[in-house]
């Protein structure tokens, strides 16, 4: 997972968002709700502070959002893993195995 993807997850609020990372490397991520045009543009990374003025309709991201993005990624992965385990245990119980659900 690229840092720009994790920071984008942490910066995400709702709808469509485009994240442009200006850190030690250049990265971008597009978060969509079945559409192609973002309504939220975030410019993040360590070098965003070098911009004297942000373009209209843009907001500055914060490197701390990488932590939020990491937590969101972990929660998403964990919930999918738990759902898969529950389904597997349910299927085992249907076959007659003794399983603690």
C-alpha atoms as a PDB file:
ATOM      1  CA  UNK A   1       0.000   0.000   0.000  1.00  0.00           C
ATOM      2  CA  UNK A   2       1.484   3.339  -1.059  1.00  0.00           C
ATOM      3  CA  UNK A   3       1.704   6.177   1.483  1.00  0.00           C
ATOM      4  CA  UNK A   4      -0.519   8.357  -0.703  1.00  0.00           C
ATOM      5  CA  UNK A   5      -3.258   5.707  -0.565  1.00  0.00           C
ATOM      6  CA  UNK A   6      -3.114   5.499   3.227  1.00  0.00           C
ATOM      7  CA  UNK A   7      -3.096   9.301   3.573  1.00  0.00           C
ATOM      8  CA  UNK A   8      -5.993   9.535   1.134  1.00  0.00           C
ATOM      9  CA  UNK A   9      -8.034   7.083   3.248  1.00  0.00           C
ATOM     10  CA  UNK A  10      -7.289   9.198   6.299  1.00  0.00           C
ATOM     11  CA  UNK A  11      -8.208  12.461   4.556  1.00  0.00           C
ATOM     12  CA  UNK A  12     -11.461  11.088   3.135  1.00  0.00           C
ATOM     13  CA  UNK A  13     -14.662  12.706   4.399  1.00  0.00           C
ATOM     14  CA  UNK A  14     -17.441  11.766   1.953  1.00  0.00           C
ATOM     15  CA  UNK A  15     -18.389  11.633  -1.708  1.00  0.00           C
ATOM     16  CA  UNK A  16     -15.635  11.839  -4.290  1.00  0.00           C
ATOM     17  CA  UNK A  17     -12.122  12.978  -3.407  1.00  0.00           C
ATOM     18  CA  UNK A  18      -8.832  13.400  -5.243  1.00  0.00           C
ATOM     19  CA  UNK A  19      -5.655  13.268  -3.131  1.00  0.00           C
ATOM     20  CA  UNK A  20      -2.370  14.671  -4.430  1.00  0.00           C
ATOM     21  CA  UNK A  21       0.675  13.903  -2.287  1.00  0.00           C
ATOM     22  CA  UNK A  22       3.659  16.241  -2.400  1.00  0.00           C
ATOM     23  CA  UNK A  23       5.986  14.416  -0.014  1.00  0.00           C
ATOM     24  CA  UNK A  24       9.358  12.793  -0.602  1.00  0.00           C
ATOM     25  CA  UNK A  25       7.702  11.123  -3.568  1.00  0.00           C
ATOM     26  CA  UNK A  26       4.821  12.180  -5.788  1.00  0.00           C
ATOM     27  CA  UNK A  27       1.627  10.188  -5.398  1.00  0.00           C
ATOM     28  CA  UNK A  28      -2.077  10.421  -5.986  1.00  0.00           C
ATOM     29  CA  UNK A  29      -5.247   8.529  -5.196  1.00  0.00           C
ATOM     30  CA  UNK A  30      -8.799   8.938  -6.407  1.00  0.00           C
ATOM     31  CA  UNK A  31     -11.619   7.912  -4.086  1.00  0.00           C
ATOM     32  CA  UNK A  32     -14.917   7.517  -5.932  1.00  0.00           C
ATOM     33  CA  UNK A  33     -18.537   6.716  -5.279  1.00  0.00           C
ATOM     34  CA  UNK A  34     -19.289   5.416  -8.776  1.00  0.00           C
ATOM     35  CA  UNK A  35     -18.405   8.729 -10.423  1.00  0.00           C
ATOM     36  CA  UNK A  36     -15.414  10.244 -12.177  1.00  0.00           C
ATOM     37  CA  UNK A  37     -15.282  13.856 -11.002  1.00  0.00           C
ATOM     38  CA  UNK A  38     -14.069  14.523  -7.441  1.00  0.00           C
ATOM     39  CA  UNK A  39     -15.874  17.081  -5.300  1.00  0.00           C
ATOM     40  CA  UNK A  40     -13.080  17.225  -2.731  1.00  0.00           C
ATOM     41  CA  UNK A  41      -9.429  17.836  -3.641  1.00  0.00           C
ATOM     42  CA  UNK A  42      -6.767  17.298  -0.976  1.00  0.00           C
ATOM     43  CA  UNK A  43      -3.139  18.270  -1.485  1.00  0.00           C
ATOM     44  CA  UNK A  44      -1.047  16.549   1.145  1.00  0.00           C
ATOM     45  CA  UNK A  45       2.456  15.425   1.957  1.00  0.00           C
ATOM     46  CA  UNK A  46       5.337  17.139   3.656  1.00  0.00           C
ATOM     47  CA  UNK A  47       5.885  19.669   0.886  1.00  0.00           C
ATOM     48  CA  UNK A  48       2.336  21.046   0.828  1.00  0.00           C
ATOM     49  CA  UNK A  49       3.551  23.683   3.292  1.00  0.00           C
ATOM     50  CA  UNK A  50       5.775  25.073   0.523  1.00  0.00           C
ATOM     51  CA  UNK A  51       2.715  26.140  -1.438  1.00  0.00           C
ATOM     52  CA  UNK A  52       2.017  29.797  -0.722  1.00  0.00           C
ATOM     53  CA  UNK A  53      -1.598  29.464  -1.802  1.00  0.00           C
ATOM     54  CA  UNK A  54      -3.756  26.432  -2.490  1.00  0.00           C
ATOM     55  CA  UNK A  55      -5.700  26.261  -5.747  1.00  0.00           C
ATOM     56  CA  UNK A  56      -9.419  27.085  -5.459  1.00  0.00           C
ATOM     57  CA  UNK A  57     -11.497  24.191  -4.160  1.00  0.00           C
ATOM     58  CA  UNK A  58      -8.509  22.434  -2.562  1.00  0.00           C
ATOM     59  CA  UNK A  59      -7.624  21.787   1.047  1.00  0.00           C
ATOM     60  CA  UNK A  60      -4.305  20.918   2.653  1.00  0.00           C
ATOM     61  CA  UNK A  61      -3.910  17.411   3.990  1.00  0.00           C
ATOM     62  CA  UNK A  62      -2.081  16.504   7.175  1.00  0.00           C
ATOM     63  CA  UNK A  63       0.519  13.750   7.513  1.00  0.00           C
ATOM     64  CA  UNK A  64      -1.330  12.607  10.649  1.00  0.00           C
ATOM     65  CA  UNK A  65      -4.122  11.457   8.325  1.00  0.00           C
ATOM     66  CA  UNK A  66      -1.871   8.537   7.394  1.00  0.00           C
ATOM     67  CA  UNK A  67      -2.591   7.091  10.854  1.00  0.00           C
ATOM     68  CA  UNK A  68      -6.342   7.504  10.355  1.00  0.00           C
ATOM     69  CA  UNK A  69      -6.045   5.911   6.918  1.00  0.00           C
ATOM     70  CA  UNK A  70      -4.076   3.006   8.361  1.00  0.00           C
ATOM     71  CA  UNK A  71      -6.724   2.440  11.018  1.00  0.00           C
ATOM     72  CA  UNK A  72      -9.496   2.565   8.398  1.00  0.00           C
ATOM     73  CA  UNK A  73      -7.602   0.094   6.222  1.00  0.00           C
ATOM     74  CA  UNK A  74      -7.077  -2.250   9.178  1.00  0.00           C
ATOM     75  CA  UNK A  75     -10.747  -2.032  10.239  1.00  0.00           C
ATOM     76  CA  UNK A  76     -11.894  -2.763   6.681  1.00  0.00           C
ATOM     77  CA  UNK A  77      -9.570  -5.765   6.411  1.00  0.00           C
ATOM     78  CA  UNK A  78     -10.470  -7.016   9.892  1.00  0.00           C
ATOM     79  CA  UNK A  79     -14.231  -6.787   9.314  1.00  0.00           C
ATOM     80  CA  UNK A  80     -13.883  -8.766   6.058  1.00  0.00           C
ATOM     81  CA  UNK A  81     -11.741 -11.373   7.832  1.00  0.00           C
ATOM     82  CA  UNK A  82     -14.233 -11.725  10.692  1.00  0.00           C
ATOM     83  CA  UNK A  83     -17.155 -12.043   8.263  1.00  0.00           C
ATOM     84  CA  UNK A  84     -15.297 -14.757   6.346  1.00  0.00           C
ATOM     85  CA  UNK A  85     -14.533 -16.677   9.565  1.00  0.00           C
ATOM     86  CA  UNK A  86     -18.179 -16.471  10.681  1.00  0.00           C
ATOM     87  CA  UNK A  87     -19.340 -17.733   7.290  1.00  0.00           C
ATOM     88  CA  UNK A  88     -16.819 -20.577   7.410  1.00  0.00           C
ATOM     89  CA  UNK A  89     -17.904 -21.579  10.941  1.00  0.00           C
ATOM     90  CA  UNK A  90     -21.560 -21.422   9.927  1.00  0.00           C
ATOM     91  CA  UNK A  91     -20.878 -23.695   6.959  1.00  0.00           C
ATOM     92  CA  UNK A  92     -18.983 -26.123   9.197  1.00  0.00           C
ATOM     93  CA  UNK A  93     -21.910 -26.167  11.662  1.00  0.00           C
ATOM     94  CA  UNK A  94     -24.334 -26.884   8.801  1.00  0.00           C
ATOM     95  CA  UNK A  95     -22.225 -29.940   7.946  1.00  0.00           C
ATOM     96  CA  UNK A  96     -22.603 -31.197  11.510  1.00  0.00           C
ATOM     97  CA  UNK A  97     -19.303 -30.064  13.005  1.00  0.00           C
ATOM     98  CA  UNK A  98     -19.295 -28.758  16.574  1.00  0.00           C
ATOM     99  CA  UNK A  99     -18.333 -25.117  16.213  1.00  0.00           C
ATOM    100  CA  UNK A 100     -18.548 -22.223  18.653  1.00  0.00           C
ATOM    101  CA  UNK A 101     -20.132 -19.386  16.741  1.00  0.00           C
END
